[in-house]
PDB file of N, CA and C in Angstrom:
ATOM      1  N   MET A   1       6.918   7.917 -10.168  1.00  0.00           N
ATOM      2  CA  MET A   1       7.628   7.053  -9.064  1.00  0.00           C
ATOM      3  C   MET A   1       8.620   6.940  -8.493  1.00  0.00           C
ATOM      4  N   ASP A   2       8.377   7.068  -6.847  1.00  0.00           N
ATOM      5  CA  ASP A   2       9.405   7.182  -6.318  1.00  0.00           C
ATOM      6  C   ASP A   2      10.664   5.926  -6.348  1.00  0.00           C
ATOM      7  N   GLN A   3      11.904   6.544  -5.969  1.00  0.00           N
ATOM      8  CA  GLN A   3      13.073   5.748  -6.166  1.00  0.00           C
ATOM      9  C   GLN A   3      13.067   4.443  -5.092  1.00  0.00           C
ATOM     10  N   ASN A   4      12.228   4.165  -4.361  1.00  0.00           N
ATOM     11  CA  ASN A   4      12.103   3.449  -3.329  1.00  0.00           C
ATOM     12  C   ASN A   4      11.684   1.822  -3.625  1.00  0.00           C
ATOM     13  N   VAL A   5      10.691   2.200  -4.952  1.00  0.00           N
ATOM     14  CA  VAL A   5      10.406   1.031  -5.831  1.00  0.00           C
ATOM     15  C   VAL A   5      11.741   0.452  -6.048  1.00  0.00           C
ATOM     16  N   ARG A   6      11.690  -0.932  -5.830  1.00  0.00           N
ATOM     17  CA  ARG A   6      12.607  -2.451  -6.036  1.00  0.00           C
ATOM     18  C   ARG A   6      12.199  -2.899  -7.476  1.00  0.00           C
ATOM     19  N   LYS A   7      12.789  -3.122  -8.479  1.00  0.00           N
ATOM     20  CA  LYS A   7      12.335  -3.598  -9.374  1.00  0.00           C
ATOM     21  C   LYS A   7      12.972  -4.695  -9.892  1.00  0.00           C
ATOM     22  N   ILE A   8      12.503  -6.023  -9.926  1.00  0.00           N
ATOM     23  CA  ILE A   8      12.972  -7.227 -10.357  1.00  0.00           C
ATOM     24  C   ILE A   8      12.627  -7.751 -11.909  1.00  0.00           C
ATOM     25  N   ARG A   9      13.027  -8.563 -12.411  1.00  0.00           N
ATOM     26  CA  ARG A   9      12.954  -9.247 -13.907  1.00  0.00           C
ATOM     27  C   ARG A   9      12.326 -10.667 -13.312  1.00  0.00           C
ATOM     28  N   THR A  10      11.193 -11.439 -13.576  1.00  0.00           N
ATOM     29  CA  THR A  10      10.919 -12.613 -13.398  1.00  0.00           C
ATOM     30  C   THR A  10      11.885 -13.410 -14.369  1.00  0.00           C
ATOM     31  N   ILE A  11      12.639 -14.201 -13.881  1.00  0.00           N
ATOM     32  CA  ILE A  11      13.469 -15.247 -14.202  1.00  0.00           C
ATOM     33  C   ILE A  11      13.457 -16.727 -14.481  1.00  0.00           C
ATOM     34  N   ASP A  12      12.490 -16.970 -13.803  1.00  0.00           N
ATOM     35  CA  ASP A  12      11.826 -18.513 -13.560  1.00  0.00           C
ATOM     36  C   ASP A  12      10.454 -18.600 -14.263  1.00  0.00           C
ATOM     37  N   SER A  13       9.961 -17.413 -14.997  1.00  0.00           N
ATOM     38  CA  SER A  13       8.769 -18.011 -15.246  1.00  0.00           C
ATOM     39  C   SER A  13       8.044 -16.481 -16.357  1.00  0.00           C
ATOM     40  N   PHE A  14       7.775 -16.467 -17.007  1.00  0.00           N
ATOM     41  CA  PHE A  14       7.183 -15.639 -17.776  1.00  0.00           C
ATOM     42  C   PHE A  14       5.353 -15.109 -17.390  1.00  0.00           C
ATOM     43  N   GLU A  15       5.278 -15.634 -16.252  1.00  0.00           N
ATOM     44  CA  GLU A  15       4.022 -15.678 -15.746  1.00  0.00           C
ATOM     45  C   GLU A  15       3.446 -14.601 -14.794  1.00  0.00           C
ATOM     46  N   ARG A  16       2.614 -13.854 -15.000  1.00  0.00           N
ATOM     47  CA  ARG A  16       2.353 -12.846 -14.290  1.00  0.00           C
ATOM     48  C   ARG A  16       2.644 -13.169 -12.519  1.00  0.00           C
ATOM     49  N   VAL A  17       2.894 -12.291 -12.095  1.00  0.00           N
ATOM     50  CA  VAL A  17       3.132 -12.306 -10.458  1.00  0.00           C
ATOM     51  C   VAL A  17       1.614 -11.871  -9.793  1.00  0.00           C
ATOM     52  N   GLU A  18       0.990 -12.685  -8.981  1.00  0.00           N
ATOM     53  CA  GLU A  18      -0.054 -12.401  -8.315  1.00  0.00           C
ATOM     54  C   GLU A  18      -0.168 -12.185  -6.771  1.00  0.00           C
ATOM     55  N   THR A  19      -0.738 -11.371  -6.330  1.00  0.00           N
ATOM     56  CA  THR A  19      -0.897 -10.977  -5.118  1.00  0.00           C
ATOM     57  C   THR A  19      -0.904 -12.164  -4.083  1.00  0.00           C
ATOM     58  N   GLY A  20       0.104 -11.967  -3.127  1.00  0.00           N
ATOM     59  CA  GLY A  20       0.548 -13.225  -2.269  1.00  0.00           C
ATOM     60  C   GLY A  20       1.609 -13.357  -1.807  1.00  0.00           C
ATOM     61  N   ALA A  21       2.082 -14.441  -0.867  1.00  0.00           N
ATOM     62  CA  ALA A  21       3.430 -14.548  -0.371  1.00  0.00           C
ATOM     63  C   ALA A  21       4.344 -14.270  -1.867  1.00  0.00           C
ATOM     64  N   LEU A  22       5.610 -13.968  -1.968  1.00  0.00           N
ATOM     65  CA  LEU A  22       6.644 -13.941  -2.530  1.00  0.00           C
ATOM     66  C   LEU A  22       7.969 -14.180  -1.867  1.00  0.00           C
ATOM     67  N   GLN A  23       8.602 -14.653  -2.418  1.00  0.00           N
ATOM     68  CA  GLN A  23       9.942 -15.059  -1.791  1.00  0.00           C
ATOM     69  C   GLN A  23      10.827 -15.021  -2.994  1.00  0.00           C
ATOM     70  N   VAL A  24      12.203 -14.120  -2.953  1.00  0.00           N
ATOM     71  CA  VAL A  24      13.367 -13.778  -3.949  1.00  0.00           C
ATOM     72  C   VAL A  24      14.219 -14.738  -3.591  1.00  0.00           C
ATOM     73  N   ASP A  25      14.996 -15.783  -4.330  1.00  0.00           N
ATOM     74  CA  ASP A  25      16.127 -16.343  -3.933  1.00  0.00           C
ATOM     75  C   ASP A  25      15.888 -16.656  -2.593  1.00  0.00           C
ATOM     76  N   GLY A  26      17.293 -16.641  -1.723  1.00  0.00           N
ATOM     77  CA  GLY A  26      16.672 -17.313  -0.350  1.00  0.00           C
ATOM     78  C   GLY A  26      16.564 -16.184   0.677  1.00  0.00           C
ATOM     79  N   ASP A  27      15.953 -15.084   0.208  1.00  0.00           N
ATOM     80  CA  ASP A  27      15.577 -14.153   0.892  1.00  0.00           C
ATOM     81  C   ASP A  27      14.430 -14.437   1.777  1.00  0.00           C
ATOM     82  N   TRP A  28      13.876 -13.645   2.884  1.00  0.00           N
ATOM     83  CA  TRP A  28      12.529 -14.151   3.468  1.00  0.00           C
ATOM     84  C   TRP A  28      11.408 -14.203   2.839  1.00  0.00           C
ATOM     85  N   PRO A  29      10.513 -14.833   3.092  1.00  0.00           N
ATOM     86  CA  PRO A  29       9.431 -14.124   1.956  1.00  0.00           C
ATOM     87  C   PRO A  29       8.325 -12.934   2.767  1.00  0.00           C
ATOM     88  N   GLY A  30       8.048 -12.382   1.544  1.00  0.00           N
ATOM     89  CA  GLY A  30       7.160 -11.281   1.888  1.00  0.00           C
ATOM     90  C   GLY A  30       5.753 -11.338   0.960  1.00  0.00           C
ATOM     91  N   LEU A  31       5.337 -10.274   1.693  1.00  0.00           N
ATOM     92  CA  LEU A  31       4.032  -9.787   0.969  1.00  0.00           C
ATOM     93  C   LEU A  31       4.020  -8.953  -0.243  1.00  0.00           C
ATOM     94  N   PHE A  32       3.624  -9.619  -1.488  1.00  0.00           N
ATOM     95  CA  PHE A  32       3.343  -8.841  -2.641  1.00  0.00           C
ATOM     96  C   PHE A  32       1.881  -8.429  -2.930  1.00  0.00           C
ATOM     97  N   ILE A  33       1.758  -7.123  -3.665  1.00  0.00           N
ATOM     98  CA  ILE A  33       0.506  -6.961  -3.669  1.00  0.00           C
ATOM     99  C   ILE A  33       0.298  -6.155  -4.875  1.00  0.00           C
ATOM    100  N   ARG A  34      -0.731  -6.683  -6.192  1.00  0.00           N
ATOM    101  CA  ARG A  34      -0.389  -6.078  -7.365  1.00  0.00           C
ATOM    102  C   ARG A  34      -1.116  -4.769  -7.480  1.00  0.00           C
ATOM    103  N   GLY A  35      -0.756  -3.698  -8.020  1.00  0.00           N
ATOM    104  CA  GLY A  35      -1.157  -2.488  -8.385  1.00  0.00           C
ATOM    105  C   GLY A  35      -2.376  -1.954  -7.921  1.00  0.00           C
ATOM    106  N   ASP A  36      -3.312  -2.518  -8.750  1.00  0.00           N
ATOM    107  CA  ASP A  36      -4.612  -2.912  -8.880  1.00  0.00           C
ATOM    108  C   ASP A  36      -5.305  -3.203  -7.487  1.00  0.00           C
ATOM    109  N   GLN A  37      -4.776  -4.508  -7.101  1.00  0.00           N
ATOM    110  CA  GLN A  37      -5.416  -4.521  -5.889  1.00  0.00           C
ATOM    111  C   GLN A  37      -4.863  -3.682  -4.511  1.00  0.00           C
ATOM    112  N   CYS A  38      -3.900  -2.924  -4.688  1.00  0.00           N
ATOM    113  CA  CYS A  38      -2.626  -1.908  -3.878  1.00  0.00           C
ATOM    114  C   CYS A  38      -4.023  -0.586  -3.739  1.00  0.00           C
ATOM    115  N   ILE A  39      -4.648  -0.299  -5.140  1.00  0.00           N
ATOM    116  CA  ILE A  39      -5.284   0.679  -5.101  1.00  0.00           C
ATOM    117  C   ILE A  39      -6.568   0.775  -4.167  1.00  0.00           C
ATOM    118  N   ASP A  40      -6.946  -0.419  -4.023  1.00  0.00           N
ATOM    119  CA  ASP A  40      -8.355  -0.758  -3.328  1.00  0.00           C
ATOM    120  C   ASP A  40      -8.068  -0.804  -1.874  1.00  0.00           C
ATOM    121  N   LEU A  41      -6.724  -1.562  -1.506  1.00  0.00           N
ATOM    122  CA  LEU A  41      -6.032  -1.806  -0.353  1.00  0.00           C
ATOM    123  C   LEU A  41      -6.087  -0.396   0.604  1.00  0.00           C
ATOM    124  N   TYR A  42      -5.761   0.746  -0.579  1.00  0.00           N
ATOM    125  CA  TYR A  42      -5.673   2.239  -0.160  1.00  0.00           C
ATOM    126  C   TYR A  42      -6.730   2.731   0.335  1.00  0.00           C
ATOM    127  N   ASN A  43      -7.569   2.451  -0.600  1.00  0.00           N
ATOM    128  CA  ASN A  43      -9.094   3.121  -0.183  1.00  0.00           C
ATOM    129  C   ASN A  43      -9.617   2.566   1.224  1.00  0.00           C
ATOM    130  N   ARG A  44      -9.642   1.101   1.405  1.00  0.00           N
ATOM    131  CA  ARG A  44      -9.965   1.081   2.593  1.00  0.00           C
ATOM    132  C   ARG A  44      -9.299   1.260   3.559  1.00  0.00           C
ATOM    133  N   LEU A  45      -7.692   0.767   3.796  1.00  0.00           N
ATOM    134  CA  LEU A  45      -7.353   1.329   4.901  1.00  0.00           C
ATOM    135  C   LEU A  45      -7.195   3.059   5.248  1.00  0.00           C
ATOM    136  N   TRP A  46      -7.333   3.732   3.988  1.00  0.00           N
ATOM    137  CA  TRP A  46      -7.752   5.138   4.452  1.00  0.00           C
ATOM    138  C   TRP A  46      -9.070   5.423   5.179  1.00  0.00           C
ATOM    139  N   TYR A  47     -10.286   4.623   4.862  1.00  0.00           N
ATOM    140  CA  TYR A  47     -11.508   5.071   5.870  1.00  0.00           C
ATOM    141  C   TYR A  47     -11.148   4.119   6.868  1.00  0.00           C
ATOM    142  N   VAL A  48     -10.268   3.242   7.314  1.00  0.00           N
ATOM    143  CA  VAL A  48      -9.849   2.884   8.715  1.00  0.00           C
ATOM    144  C   VAL A  48      -9.624   3.668   9.637  1.00  0.00           C
ATOM    145  N   LYS A  49      -8.225   4.252   8.938  1.00  0.00           N
ATOM    146  CA  LYS A  49      -7.895   5.763   9.522  1.00  0.00           C
ATOM    147  C   LYS A  49      -8.862   6.758   9.759  1.00  0.00           C
ATOM    148  N   GLU A  50      -9.321   6.944   8.594  1.00  0.00           N
ATOM    149  CA  GLU A  50     -10.307   8.157   9.447  1.00  0.00           C
ATOM    150  C   GLU A  50     -11.374   7.641  10.606  1.00  0.00           C
ATOM    151  N   HIS A  51     -12.167   6.443  10.253  1.00  0.00           N
ATOM    152  CA  HIS A  51     -13.116   6.296  11.697  1.00  0.00           C
ATOM    153  C   HIS A  51     -12.007   6.314  12.683  1.00  0.00           C
ATOM    154  N   MET A  52     -10.866   5.733  12.836  1.00  0.00           N
ATOM    155  CA  MET A  52     -10.185   5.629  13.831  1.00  0.00           C
ATOM    156  C   MET A  52      -9.689   7.147  14.717  1.00  0.00           C
ATOM    157  N   GLU A  53      -9.520   7.837  13.797  1.00  0.00           N
ATOM    158  CA  GLU A  53      -9.292   9.214  13.989  1.00  0.00           C
ATOM    159  C   GLU A  53     -10.454  10.206  14.218  1.00  0.00           C
ATOM    160  N   LYS A  54     -11.652   9.497  13.960  1.00  0.00           N
ATOM    161  CA  LYS A  54     -12.702  10.492  14.241  1.00  0.00           C
ATOM    162  C   LYS A  54     -13.693   9.932  15.637  1.00  0.00           C
ATOM    163  N   HIS A  55     -13.604   8.462  15.861  1.00  0.00           N
ATOM    164  CA  HIS A  55     -14.054   7.941  16.818  1.00  0.00           C
ATOM    165  C   HIS A  55     -12.559   7.470  18.103  1.00  0.00           C
ATOM    166  N   PRO A  56     -12.171   8.247  18.798  1.00  0.00           N
ATOM    167  CA  PRO A  56     -11.656   8.418  19.489  1.00  0.00           C
ATOM    168  C   PRO A  56     -11.744   7.174  20.725  1.00  0.00           C
ATOM    169  N   ASP A  57     -10.839   6.276  21.044  1.00  0.00           N
ATOM    170  CA  ASP A  57     -10.994   5.835  22.152  1.00  0.00           C
ATOM    171  C   ASP A  57     -10.891   6.479  23.585  1.00  0.00           C
ATOM    172  N   PRO A  58     -11.724   6.088  24.448  1.00  0.00           N
ATOM    173  CA  PRO A  58     -11.804   6.788  25.647  1.00  0.00           C
ATOM    174  C   PRO A  58     -10.507   7.137  26.456  1.00  0.00           C
ATOM    175  N   VAL A  59      -9.924   5.669  26.426  1.00  0.00           N
ATOM    176  CA  VAL A  59      -8.506   5.538  27.215  1.00  0.00           C
ATOM    177  C   VAL A  59      -7.497   5.328  25.776  1.00  0.00           C
ATOM    178  N   GLU A  60      -7.091   6.641  25.656  1.00  0.00           N
ATOM    179  CA  GLU A  60      -5.891   6.677  24.351  1.00  0.00           C
ATOM    180  C   GLU A  60      -4.697   5.709  24.888  1.00  0.00           C
ATOM    181  N   SER A  61      -4.506   4.869  23.903  1.00  0.00           N
ATOM    182  CA  SER A  61      -3.159   4.057  24.151  1.00  0.00           C
ATOM    183  C   SER A  61      -2.102   4.226  23.551  1.00  0.00           C
ATOM    184  N   ILE A  62      -0.722   4.124  23.802  1.00  0.00           N
ATOM    185  CA  ILE A  62       0.438   3.687  22.673  1.00  0.00           C
ATOM    186  C   ILE A  62       0.136   2.677  21.712  1.00  0.00           C
ATOM    187  N   GLU A  63      -0.914   1.541  22.148  1.00  0.00           N
ATOM    188  CA  GLU A  63      -0.726   0.780  20.991  1.00  0.00           C
ATOM    189  C   GLU A  63      -1.659   1.260  19.838  1.00  0.00           C
ATOM    190  N   ARG A  64      -3.015   1.761  20.178  1.00  0.00           N
ATOM    191  CA  ARG A  64      -3.674   2.361  19.221  1.00  0.00           C
ATOM    192  C   ARG A  64      -2.984   3.491  18.356  1.00  0.00           C
ATOM    193  N   MET A  65      -2.365   4.737  19.258  1.00  0.00           N
ATOM    194  CA  MET A  65      -1.340   5.869  18.137  1.00  0.00           C
ATOM    195  C   MET A  65      -0.519   5.094  17.560  1.00  0.00           C
ATOM    196  N   LEU A  66       0.332   3.519  17.996  1.00  0.00           N
ATOM    197  CA  LEU A  66       1.396   3.577  16.922  1.00  0.00           C
ATOM    198  C   LEU A  66       0.185   2.597  15.838  1.00  0.00           C
ATOM    199  N   ALA A  67      -0.844   1.997  16.017  1.00  0.00           N
ATOM    200  CA  ALA A  67      -1.893   1.608  14.853  1.00  0.00           C
ATOM    201  C   ALA A  67      -1.983   2.632  13.822  1.00  0.00           C
ATOM    202  N   ILE A  68      -2.651   3.754  14.500  1.00  0.00           N
ATOM    203  CA  ILE A  68      -2.950   4.893  13.455  1.00  0.00           C
ATOM    204  C   ILE A  68      -1.796   5.236  12.674  1.00  0.00           C
ATOM    205  N   LYS A  69      -0.139   5.473  13.305  1.00  0.00           N
ATOM    206  CA  LYS A  69       0.922   5.880  12.618  1.00  0.00           C
ATOM    207  C   LYS A  69       1.711   4.324  11.531  1.00  0.00           C
ATOM    208  N   GLY A  70       1.095   3.442  11.830  1.00  0.00           N
ATOM    209  CA  GLY A  70       1.342   2.097  10.965  1.00  0.00           C
ATOM    210  C   GLY A  70       0.506   2.316   9.860  1.00  0.00           C
ATOM    211  N   VAL A  71      -1.034   2.498  10.136  1.00  0.00           N
ATOM    212  CA  VAL A  71      -1.633   2.784   8.788  1.00  0.00           C
ATOM    213  C   VAL A  71      -1.362   3.890   8.082  1.00  0.00           C
ATOM    214  N   GLU A  72      -1.067   4.721   8.749  1.00  0.00           N
ATOM    215  CA  GLU A  72      -0.371   6.190   7.908  1.00  0.00           C
ATOM    216  C   GLU A  72       0.865   5.846   7.188  1.00  0.00           C
ATOM    217  N   GLY A  73       1.564   5.226   7.775  1.00  0.00           N
ATOM    218  CA  GLY A  73       2.753   4.725   7.055  1.00  0.00           C
ATOM    219  C   GLY A  73       2.670   4.138   5.675  1.00  0.00           C
ATOM    220  N   VAL A  74       1.716   3.052   5.625  1.00  0.00           N
ATOM    221  CA  VAL A  74       1.615   2.285   4.962  1.00  0.00           C
ATOM    222  C   VAL A  74       0.710   3.157   3.474  1.00  0.00           C
ATOM    223  N   LEU A  75      -0.267   3.854   3.681  1.00  0.00           N
ATOM    224  CA  LEU A  75      -0.800   4.682   3.110  1.00  0.00           C
ATOM    225  C   LEU A  75      -0.072   5.690   2.405  1.00  0.00           C
ATOM    226  N   ASN A  76       1.008   6.032   2.911  1.00  0.00           N
ATOM    227  CA  ASN A  76       2.158   6.784   2.232  1.00  0.00           C
ATOM    228  C   ASN A  76       3.085   6.235   1.385  1.00  0.00           C
ATOM    229  N   MET A  77       3.052   5.136   1.731  1.00  0.00           N
ATOM    230  CA  MET A  77       4.256   4.175   0.774  1.00  0.00           C
ATOM    231  C   MET A  77       3.392   4.064  -0.372  1.00  0.00           C
ATOM    232  N   ILE A  78       1.881   3.804  -0.126  1.00  0.00           N
ATOM    233  CA  ILE A  78       1.194   3.388  -1.603  1.00  0.00           C
ATOM    234  C   ILE A  78       0.743   4.934  -2.499  1.00  0.00           C
ATOM    235  N   LYS A  79       0.563   5.714  -1.503  1.00  0.00           N
ATOM    236  CA  LYS A  79       0.551   6.928  -2.088  1.00  0.00           C
ATOM    237  C   LYS A  79       1.873   7.313  -2.906  1.00  0.00           C
ATOM    238  N   GLU A  80       2.777   7.330  -2.252  1.00  0.00           N
ATOM    239  CA  GLU A  80       4.090   7.499  -2.900  1.00  0.00           C
ATOM    240  C   GLU A  80       4.673   6.872  -4.238  1.00  0.00           C
ATOM    241  N   ASP A  81       4.769   5.514  -3.539  1.00  0.00           N
ATOM    242  CA  ASP A  81       5.306   4.682  -4.570  1.00  0.00           C
ATOM    243  C   ASP A  81       4.469   3.869  -5.630  1.00  0.00           C
ATOM    244  N   VAL A  82       3.008   3.749  -5.540  1.00  0.00           N
ATOM    245  CA  VAL A  82       2.298   2.795  -6.128  1.00  0.00           C
ATOM    246  C   VAL A  82       1.149   3.494  -6.927  1.00  0.00           C
ATOM    247  N   LEU A  83       0.488   4.834  -6.296  1.00  0.00           N
ATOM    248  CA  LEU A  83      -0.299   5.643  -7.050  1.00  0.00           C
ATOM    249  C   LEU A  83       0.547   6.522  -8.026  1.00  0.00           C
ATOM    250  N   VAL A  84       0.541   6.435  -9.324  1.00  0.00           N
ATOM    251  CA  VAL A  84       0.855   6.918 -10.419  1.00  0.00           C
ATOM    252  C   VAL A  84       0.290   7.968 -10.681  1.00  0.00           C
ATOM    253  N   ASN A  85       0.673   9.245 -10.884  1.00  0.00           N
ATOM    254  CA  ASN A  85      -0.203  10.591 -11.046  1.00  0.00           C
ATOM    255  C   ASN A  85      -1.680  10.301 -10.478  1.00  0.00           C
ATOM    256  N   PRO A  86      -1.646  10.248  -9.221  1.00  0.00           N
ATOM    257  CA  PRO A  86      -2.864  10.245  -8.125  1.00  0.00           C
ATOM    258  C   PRO A  86      -3.490  11.259  -8.781  1.00  0.00           C
ATOM    259  N   LYS A  87      -5.139  11.235  -9.102  1.00  0.00           N
ATOM    260  CA  LYS A  87      -6.535  11.951  -9.281  1.00  0.00           C
ATOM    261  C   LYS A  87      -6.618  12.275  -7.779  1.00  0.00           C
ATOM    262  N   LYS A  88      -6.790  11.785  -7.277  1.00  0.00           N
ATOM    263  CA  LYS A  88      -7.130  12.170  -5.556  1.00  0.00           C
ATOM    264  C   LYS A  88      -6.435  11.990  -4.491  1.00  0.00           C
ATOM    265  N   GLU A  89      -6.596  12.086  -3.310  1.00  0.00           N
ATOM    266  CA  GLU A  89      -6.248  11.774  -2.049  1.00  0.00           C
ATOM    267  C   GLU A  89      -7.385  11.017  -1.264  1.00  0.00           C
ATOM    268  N   GLY A  90      -6.922  10.090  -0.868  1.00  0.00           N
ATOM    269  CA  GLY A  90      -8.147   9.868  -0.030  1.00  0.00           C
ATOM    270  C   GLY A  90      -9.172   8.767  -0.370  1.00  0.00           C
ATOM    271  N   PRO A  91     -10.521   8.651   0.093  1.00  0.00           N
ATOM    272  CA  PRO A  91     -11.185   7.139  -0.702  1.00  0.00           C
ATOM    273  C   PRO A  91     -11.229   7.562  -1.900  1.00  0.00           C
ATOM    274  N   ASN A  92     -11.434   6.408  -2.666  1.00  0.00           N
ATOM    275  CA  ASN A  92     -11.842   6.449  -4.296  1.00  0.00           C
ATOM    276  C   ASN A  92     -10.570   6.876  -5.028  1.00  0.00           C
ATOM    277  N   ALA A  93      -9.182   6.804  -4.506  1.00  0.00           N
ATOM    278  CA  ALA A  93      -8.232   6.737  -5.063  1.00  0.00           C
ATOM    279  C   ALA A  93      -7.865   6.329  -6.133  1.00  0.00           C
ATOM    280  N   GLU A  94      -7.527   6.746  -7.308  1.00  0.00           N
ATOM    281  CA  GLU A  94      -7.298   6.300  -8.482  1.00  0.00           C
ATOM    282  C   GLU A  94      -5.810   6.427  -9.127  1.00  0.00           C
ATOM    283  N   SER A  95      -5.495   5.358 -10.103  1.00  0.00           N
ATOM    284  CA  SER A  95      -4.182   5.706 -10.419  1.00  0.00           C
ATOM    285  C   SER A  95      -4.366   5.670 -12.216  1.00  0.00           C
ATOM    286  N   VAL A  96      -3.601   6.559 -12.406  1.00  0.00           N
ATOM    287  CA  VAL A  96      -3.843   6.864 -13.990  1.00  0.00           C
ATOM    288  C   VAL A  96      -2.205   6.602 -14.478  1.00  0.00           C
ATOM    289  N   THR A  97      -2.191   5.732 -15.672  1.00  0.00           N
ATOM    290  CA  THR A  97      -0.770   5.496 -16.046  1.00  0.00           C
ATOM    291  C   THR A  97      -0.713   6.008 -17.588  1.00  0.00           C
ATOM    292  N   GLU A  98      -1.675   6.471 -18.031  1.00  0.00           N
ATOM    293  CA  GLU A  98      -1.487   6.869 -19.242  1.00  0.00           C
ATOM    294  C   GLU A  98      -0.329   7.892 -19.517  1.00  0.00           C
ATOM    295  N   GLY A  99       0.188   7.802 -20.542  1.00  0.00           N
ATOM    296  CA  GLY A  99       1.620   8.646 -21.026  1.00  0.00           C
ATOM    297  C   GLY A  99       2.693   8.266 -20.410  1.00  0.00           C
ATOM    298  N   LEU A 100       3.032   7.592 -19.549  1.00  0.00           N
ATOM    299  CA  LEU A 100       3.968   6.886 -19.292  1.00  0.00           C
ATOM    300  C   LEU A 100       4.486   5.855 -20.000  1.00  0.00           C
TER     301      LEU A 100
END
């Protein structure tokens, strides 16, 4: 796992943290996505990126280019920081945690 992963301990509760908005102390709220749901998100975003690349807009725009780069950035973050020992890249990616 990459060193970009921030680890926190749950102090207020021993409950499982679910996907959704998460605020740590006085910091800005952010979006937390559980690992299993993140794998599903990776697969769906991969398809979106592939579709956008295979079906170009007749008028290429900076917004479209930035959208593709943004999706690629999220995909890379998931691939590098969430998918532990990924079996394959692209659609139907899985995370294998055995032996860790």
